[in-house]
Amino acid sequence: MSSRQTYDEVLRTLSEGSVHTHFDAFTDIDWDNPDWTIDLKDPRWVLPEVDPLGGHPWYQAQPLERQIEIGLWRMVNITKVGMQFENVLIRGAMDYLFSLPNGKPEFRYLTHECTEETHHTQMFQEFVNRSGCDVPGGRPSFRVLSRFLPLAGSLWPEVFFTGVLAGEEPIDHVQKAILRSGATQHPLLRRIMQIHVAEEARHISFAHEFLRQKTPELGKFRKGALSVAYPLVMRTLGDVIMIPGKRMTTELGVPRRVIRDIFWKSPEGRKMLRDLFADVRMLAEDTGLMNPVSRRVWKLLRIDGRASRYRGQPASLAS
């Protein structure tokens, strides 16, 4: 079977998966379950140790009430960032699809994905609304750039889908780590993460397969430019997703030194930064995007390191 036939078959499989296993934001989450009410005194909002802030000594030394307040705000803000990012994804994917020739399998799969991402934006925003936290989500620079980023869907699709991975992989990494940790969680947040992780597996698979198929088709100059843009996009959007803005300091009193230590000054922070991108380093190796120049960029950005042996490999199993 040719590479193109394999790619088409993967997209058909992903599309069928979306047909047979999908979730609705308002029928698959029991929003009005009294046990799922968001209570500002609920200790289940304390951040688990696998969360970068939750594992920091400063946070662990705070009184329970402060841990709850900061933990809820952080989880809600990450959710808001996720909603904003997926809004950009939907607009960019639709921009890519607008001029796609007839008969392309990407059309069916990406419209399935956009449908699922729309439900994600609904469940994320509903969670934000019910929390009572007036969080900003992404930093101001991201919110401004979000007006223009979707244009890459048609102008430079390989960079756009690199950006898709740059946003999806860090969130997926953190949510999987929290779910795997067995830490006590609020059931509403746990359900949202379960749905998101389940459907993002397909979305991440598509972005990987898209780049595997399209990258070898690029000319020498465009492929070389992508090899350098790839780690730059990963680090830039990864920081947007992971690093909280100044309002966490001004409104919640989390010291800037703590934020800097976590993202990414401490040894634990540097390790996490490298771990976030193990899967996409594997993809870069497989698609020929690792070369002497791009490797220097990966190292300069401090996101170099060992690639995953398979997609979704837990960091604890890497060796």
Protein backbone atom coordinates (compact mmCIF):
# COMPACT_ATOMS: atom_id res chain seq x y z
CA MET A 1 0.00 0.00 0.00
CA SER A 2 1.40 3.42 -0.97
CA SER A 3 2.02 6.21 1.52
CA ARG A 4 -0.97 8.10 0.09
CA GLN A 5 -3.25 5.09 0.40
CA THR A 6 -2.13 4.53 4.00
CA TYR A 7 -2.78 8.18 4.80
CA ASP A 8 -6.25 8.06 3.25
CA GLU A 9 -7.06 4.90 5.20
CA VAL A 10 -5.93 6.48 8.48
CA LEU A 11 -8.21 9.46 7.84
CA ARG A 12 -11.14 7.17 7.09
CA THR A 13 -10.49 5.32 10.35
CA LEU A 14 -10.34 8.58 12.30
CA SER A 15 -13.55 9.78 10.66
CA GLU A 16 -15.36 6.56 11.54
CA GLY A 17 -14.08 6.90 15.08
CA SER A 18 -15.66 10.35 15.28
CA VAL A 19 -18.97 8.93 14.05
CA HIS A 20 -19.10 6.07 16.54
CA THR A 21 -17.44 7.63 19.61
CA HIS A 22 -18.15 11.27 20.29
CA PHE A 23 -19.40 13.47 23.11
CA ASP A 24 -21.85 16.32 23.49
CA ALA A 25 -21.00 19.16 25.86
CA PHE A 26 -24.48 19.23 27.40
CA THR A 27 -25.64 15.61 27.35
CA ASP A 28 -22.44 13.84 28.37
CA ILE A 29 -21.65 16.06 31.35
CA ASP A 30 -24.02 16.10 34.33
CA TRP A 31 -23.75 19.83 34.93
CA ASP A 32 -26.59 20.01 37.44
CA ASN A 33 -25.54 17.05 39.55
CA PRO A 34 -25.50 18.47 43.11
CA ASP A 35 -22.33 16.51 43.87
CA TRP A 36 -20.62 18.32 40.99
CA THR A 37 -21.34 21.84 42.21
CA ILE A 38 -18.31 24.13 42.29
CA ASP A 39 -17.76 24.98 45.96
CA LEU A 40 -15.04 27.51 46.74
CA LYS A 41 -14.26 25.62 49.96
CA ASP A 42 -13.97 22.19 48.31
CA PRO A 43 -10.49 20.70 49.02
CA ARG A 44 -10.67 18.79 45.74
CA TRP A 45 -9.54 22.01 44.03
CA VAL A 46 -6.12 21.68 45.64
CA LEU A 47 -3.65 21.16 42.82
CA PRO A 48 -2.09 17.69 42.58
CA GLU A 49 1.68 17.37 42.81
CA VAL A 50 1.94 16.45 39.12
CA ASP A 51 0.76 19.96 38.26
CA PRO A 52 3.83 22.24 37.96
CA LEU A 53 2.46 24.71 40.52
CA GLY A 54 0.90 22.02 42.71
CA GLY A 55 4.28 20.36 43.21
CA HIS A 56 6.09 23.58 44.17
CA PRO A 57 7.10 24.04 47.84
CA TRP A 58 5.67 27.58 47.96
CA TYR A 59 2.21 26.35 46.98
CA GLN A 60 2.33 23.38 49.33
CA ALA A 61 3.21 25.69 52.23
CA GLN A 62 0.07 27.80 51.76
CA PRO A 63 -3.01 27.41 54.00
CA LEU A 64 -5.69 25.09 52.65
CA GLU A 65 -8.01 27.98 51.75
CA ARG A 66 -5.28 29.60 49.62
CA GLN A 67 -4.42 26.32 47.93
CA ILE A 68 -8.09 25.89 46.99
CA GLU A 69 -8.41 29.47 45.72
CA ILE A 70 -5.24 29.29 43.62
CA GLY A 71 -5.95 25.74 42.42
CA LEU A 72 -9.44 26.56 41.16
CA TRP A 73 -8.25 29.74 39.44
CA ARG A 74 -5.41 27.89 37.73
CA MET A 75 -7.62 25.06 36.47
CA VAL A 76 -10.24 27.50 35.23
CA ASN A 77 -7.65 29.67 33.48
CA ILE A 78 -6.08 26.66 31.73
CA THR A 79 -9.57 25.72 30.57
CA LYS A 80 -10.12 29.25 29.23
CA VAL A 81 -6.80 29.11 27.35
CA GLY A 82 -7.92 25.78 25.89
CA MET A 83 -11.18 27.33 24.72
CA GLN A 84 -9.35 30.21 23.06
CA PHE A 85 -6.83 27.93 21.40
CA GLU A 86 -9.51 25.62 20.02
CA ASN A 87 -11.41 28.63 18.69
CA VAL A 88 -8.30 29.53 16.68
CA LEU A 89 -7.96 25.89 15.57
CA ILE A 90 -11.54 25.78 14.27
CA ARG A 91 -11.15 29.01 12.32
CA GLY A 92 -7.82 27.95 10.82
CA ALA A 93 -9.08 24.48 9.88
CA MET A 94 -12.09 26.00 8.14
CA ASP A 95 -9.79 28.41 6.32
CA TYR A 96 -7.73 25.42 5.12
CA LEU A 97 -10.84 23.53 4.01
CA PHE A 98 -12.44 26.43 2.14
CA SER A 99 -10.37 25.97 -1.03
CA LEU A 100 -9.58 22.26 -0.67
CA PRO A 101 -10.14 20.38 -3.96
CA ASN A 102 -13.03 17.94 -4.21
CA GLY A 103 -12.38 14.37 -3.13
CA LYS A 104 -9.81 15.12 -0.43
CA PRO A 105 -10.24 12.94 2.71
CA GLU A 106 -9.08 15.82 4.92
CA PHE A 107 -12.43 17.54 4.37
CA ARG A 108 -14.52 14.90 6.07
CA TYR A 109 -12.15 14.29 8.97
CA LEU A 110 -11.46 17.95 9.74
CA THR A 111 -15.14 18.83 9.76
CA HIS A 112 -15.64 16.01 12.29
CA GLU A 113 -12.77 17.46 14.32
CA CYS A 114 -14.19 20.98 14.18
CA THR A 115 -17.54 19.65 15.39
CA GLU A 116 -15.80 18.01 18.36
CA GLU A 117 -13.71 21.10 19.06
CA THR A 118 -16.88 23.20 19.08
CA HIS A 119 -18.28 20.97 21.81
CA HIS A 120 -14.98 21.36 23.67
CA THR A 121 -15.24 25.15 23.54
CA GLN A 122 -18.78 24.86 24.89
CA MET A 123 -17.84 22.61 27.81
CA PHE A 124 -14.75 24.68 28.60
CA GLN A 125 -16.65 27.96 28.64
CA GLU A 126 -19.52 26.45 30.64
CA PHE A 127 -16.99 25.34 33.26
CA VAL A 128 -15.48 28.83 33.33
CA ASN A 129 -18.91 30.43 33.71
CA ARG A 130 -19.98 28.11 36.53
CA SER A 131 -16.70 28.58 38.42
CA GLY A 132 -17.35 32.27 39.03
CA CYS A 133 -13.69 33.02 38.21
CA ASP A 134 -13.28 35.91 35.76
CA VAL A 135 -10.11 34.52 34.18
CA PRO A 136 -8.43 36.03 31.09
CA GLY A 137 -7.10 32.84 29.54
CA GLY A 138 -4.17 33.52 27.23
CA ARG A 139 -1.85 36.46 27.54
CA PRO A 140 -2.82 39.73 25.77
CA SER A 141 -0.30 39.12 22.97
CA PHE A 142 -1.90 35.76 22.17
CA ARG A 143 -5.39 37.23 22.18
CA VAL A 144 -4.27 39.87 19.65
CA LEU A 145 -2.43 37.38 17.43
CA SER A 146 -5.40 35.02 17.51
CA ARG A 147 -7.12 37.35 15.04
CA PHE A 148 -4.47 36.54 12.43
CA LEU A 149 -3.21 33.03 13.23
CA PRO A 150 -6.08 31.22 11.41
CA LEU A 151 -4.85 32.65 8.09
CA ALA A 152 -1.97 30.19 8.26
CA GLY A 153 -4.53 27.45 7.63
CA SER A 154 -4.52 28.27 3.93
CA LEU A 155 -1.29 30.27 3.55
CA TRP A 156 1.10 27.81 5.26
CA PRO A 157 -0.88 24.75 6.37
CA GLU A 158 2.14 22.74 7.50
CA VAL A 159 3.02 25.51 9.98
CA PHE A 160 -0.62 25.84 11.03
CA PHE A 161 -0.86 22.13 11.91
CA THR A 162 2.50 22.39 13.65
CA GLY A 163 0.82 25.08 15.75
CA VAL A 164 -2.10 22.75 16.37
CA LEU A 165 0.29 20.21 17.86
CA ALA A 166 2.10 22.93 19.81
CA GLY A 167 -1.14 23.77 21.59
CA GLU A 168 -2.65 20.31 21.91
CA GLU A 169 0.38 18.34 23.07
CA PRO A 170 1.12 20.33 26.29
CA ILE A 171 -2.52 20.31 27.44
CA ASP A 172 -2.83 16.61 26.63
CA HIS A 173 0.44 15.88 28.46
CA VAL A 174 -0.67 17.65 31.66
CA GLN A 175 -4.20 16.24 31.64
CA LYS A 176 -2.99 12.68 31.13
CA ALA A 177 -0.47 13.09 33.94
CA ILE A 178 -3.21 14.31 36.30
CA LEU A 179 -5.60 11.51 35.33
CA ARG A 180 -2.87 8.87 35.66
CA SER A 181 -1.72 10.19 39.04
CA GLY A 182 -4.80 8.94 40.84
CA ALA A 183 -4.97 12.22 42.78
CA THR A 184 -8.33 13.23 44.25
CA GLN A 185 -10.10 15.46 41.75
CA HIS A 186 -13.36 17.32 41.49
CA PRO A 187 -15.67 15.04 39.43
CA LEU A 188 -16.73 17.83 37.06
CA LEU A 189 -13.15 18.66 36.10
CA ARG A 190 -12.26 14.96 35.86
CA ARG A 191 -15.15 14.35 33.44
CA ILE A 192 -14.15 17.32 31.28
CA MET A 193 -10.56 16.08 31.11
CA GLN A 194 -11.65 12.52 30.29
CA ILE A 195 -13.74 13.73 27.35
CA HIS A 196 -11.02 16.05 26.14
CA VAL A 197 -8.24 13.44 26.32
CA ALA A 198 -10.41 10.84 24.54
CA GLU A 199 -11.19 13.05 21.55
CA GLU A 200 -7.85 14.85 21.42
CA ALA A 201 -6.22 11.48 20.74
CA ARG A 202 -7.84 11.58 17.28
CA HIS A 203 -7.03 15.25 16.74
CA ILE A 204 -3.37 14.79 17.62
CA SER A 205 -3.22 11.67 15.44
CA PHE A 206 -4.50 13.65 12.46
CA ALA A 207 -1.95 16.46 12.90
CA HIS A 208 0.86 13.88 13.13
CA GLU A 209 -0.35 12.04 10.01
CA PHE A 210 -0.90 15.29 8.10
CA LEU A 211 2.69 16.37 8.70
CA ARG A 212 4.05 12.89 7.94
CA GLN A 213 2.27 12.97 4.58
CA LYS A 214 2.82 16.59 3.60
CA THR A 215 6.39 17.26 4.76
CA PRO A 216 8.11 14.95 2.20
CA GLU A 217 6.12 16.71 -0.55
CA LEU A 218 7.61 20.13 0.29
CA GLY A 219 10.35 21.73 -1.76
CA LYS A 220 13.85 22.03 -0.31
CA PHE A 221 13.47 25.67 0.76
CA ARG A 222 10.01 25.26 2.29
CA LYS A 223 11.03 22.10 4.14
CA GLY A 224 14.14 23.84 5.48
CA ALA A 225 12.06 26.79 6.65
CA LEU A 226 9.60 24.43 8.33
CA SER A 227 12.43 22.61 10.13
CA VAL A 228 13.36 25.89 11.84
CA ALA A 229 9.81 27.17 12.31
CA TYR A 230 8.73 23.86 13.88
CA PRO A 231 10.62 24.18 17.22
CA LEU A 232 9.95 27.95 17.34
CA VAL A 233 6.20 27.39 17.06
CA MET A 234 6.35 24.56 19.61
CA ARG A 235 8.11 26.66 22.24
CA THR A 236 6.09 29.83 21.60
CA LEU A 237 2.64 28.25 21.74
CA GLY A 238 3.71 25.84 24.46
CA ASP A 239 4.54 28.82 26.66
CA VAL A 240 1.19 30.42 25.81
CA ILE A 241 -0.63 27.29 26.97
CA MET A 242 1.44 26.52 30.04
CA ILE A 243 2.60 29.79 31.62
CA PRO A 244 -0.02 31.79 33.53
CA GLY A 245 -0.14 35.54 32.90
CA LYS A 246 0.48 38.40 35.30
CA ARG A 247 -3.01 38.25 36.76
CA MET A 248 -2.03 35.15 38.74
CA THR A 249 0.50 37.39 40.49
CA THR A 250 -1.59 40.54 40.80
CA GLU A 251 -4.91 38.92 41.76
CA LEU A 252 -3.81 35.78 43.62
CA GLY A 253 -0.46 36.88 44.98
CA VAL A 254 1.61 34.07 43.51
CA PRO A 255 5.18 35.47 43.54
CA ARG A 256 6.78 36.00 40.14
CA ARG A 257 9.84 34.12 41.40
CA VAL A 258 7.65 31.04 41.86
CA ILE A 259 6.27 31.34 38.32
CA ARG A 260 9.78 31.79 36.92
CA ASP A 261 11.06 28.83 38.93
CA ILE A 262 8.32 26.55 37.63
CA PHE A 263 8.40 27.83 34.03
CA TRP A 264 11.22 26.88 33.38
CA LYS A 265 14.12 27.79 35.68
CA SER A 266 14.18 24.89 38.16
CA PRO A 267 15.56 21.45 37.22
CA GLU A 268 12.04 20.03 37.49
CA GLY A 269 10.69 22.79 35.27
CA ARG A 270 13.37 22.24 32.64
CA LYS A 271 12.67 18.51 32.65
CA MET A 272 8.95 19.09 32.20
CA LEU A 273 9.61 21.50 29.33
CA ARG A 274 11.62 18.84 27.53
CA ASP A 275 9.06 16.14 28.30
CA LEU A 276 6.20 18.17 26.80
CA PHE A 277 7.70 17.87 23.34
CA ALA A 278 9.03 14.30 23.28
CA ASP A 279 6.31 13.16 20.86
CA VAL A 280 6.82 16.03 18.43
CA ARG A 281 10.59 15.49 18.51
CA MET A 282 9.86 11.94 17.36
CA LEU A 283 7.72 13.34 14.54
CA ALA A 284 10.48 15.76 13.55
CA GLU A 285 12.97 12.90 13.38
CA ASP A 286 10.59 10.75 11.32
CA THR A 287 9.79 13.50 8.80
CA GLY A 288 13.33 14.74 8.23
CA LEU A 289 12.83 18.01 10.10
CA MET A 290 15.82 17.37 12.35
CA ASN A 291 18.97 18.69 10.70
CA PRO A 292 22.13 20.40 11.99
CA VAL A 293 20.50 23.85 11.91
CA SER A 294 17.16 22.90 13.44
CA ARG A 295 18.85 20.84 16.17
CA ARG A 296 20.62 24.01 17.27
CA VAL A 297 17.27 25.78 17.47
CA TRP A 298 15.76 22.97 19.57
CA LYS A 299 18.74 23.19 21.92
CA LEU A 300 18.70 27.00 22.07
CA LEU A 301 15.01 26.90 23.02
CA ARG A 302 15.76 24.22 25.69
CA ILE A 303 13.26 21.76 24.23
CA ASP A 304 15.79 19.29 22.87
CA GLY A 305 16.18 15.81 24.30
CA ARG A 306 15.31 12.19 23.70
CA ALA A 307 12.38 11.57 21.36
CA SER A 308 9.52 9.29 22.34
CA ARG A 309 9.73 5.70 21.12
CA TYR A 310 5.98 5.78 20.43
CA ARG A 311 3.31 8.47 20.57
CA GLY A 312 1.86 9.00 24.02
CA GLN A 313 4.77 7.33 25.83
CA PRO A 314 4.65 8.47 29.49
CA ALA A 315 7.69 10.50 30.48
CA SER A 316 8.34 8.10 33.34
CA LEU A 317 8.93 5.30 30.82
CA ALA A 318 11.34 7.24 28.63
CA SER A 319 14.92 6.14 28.85
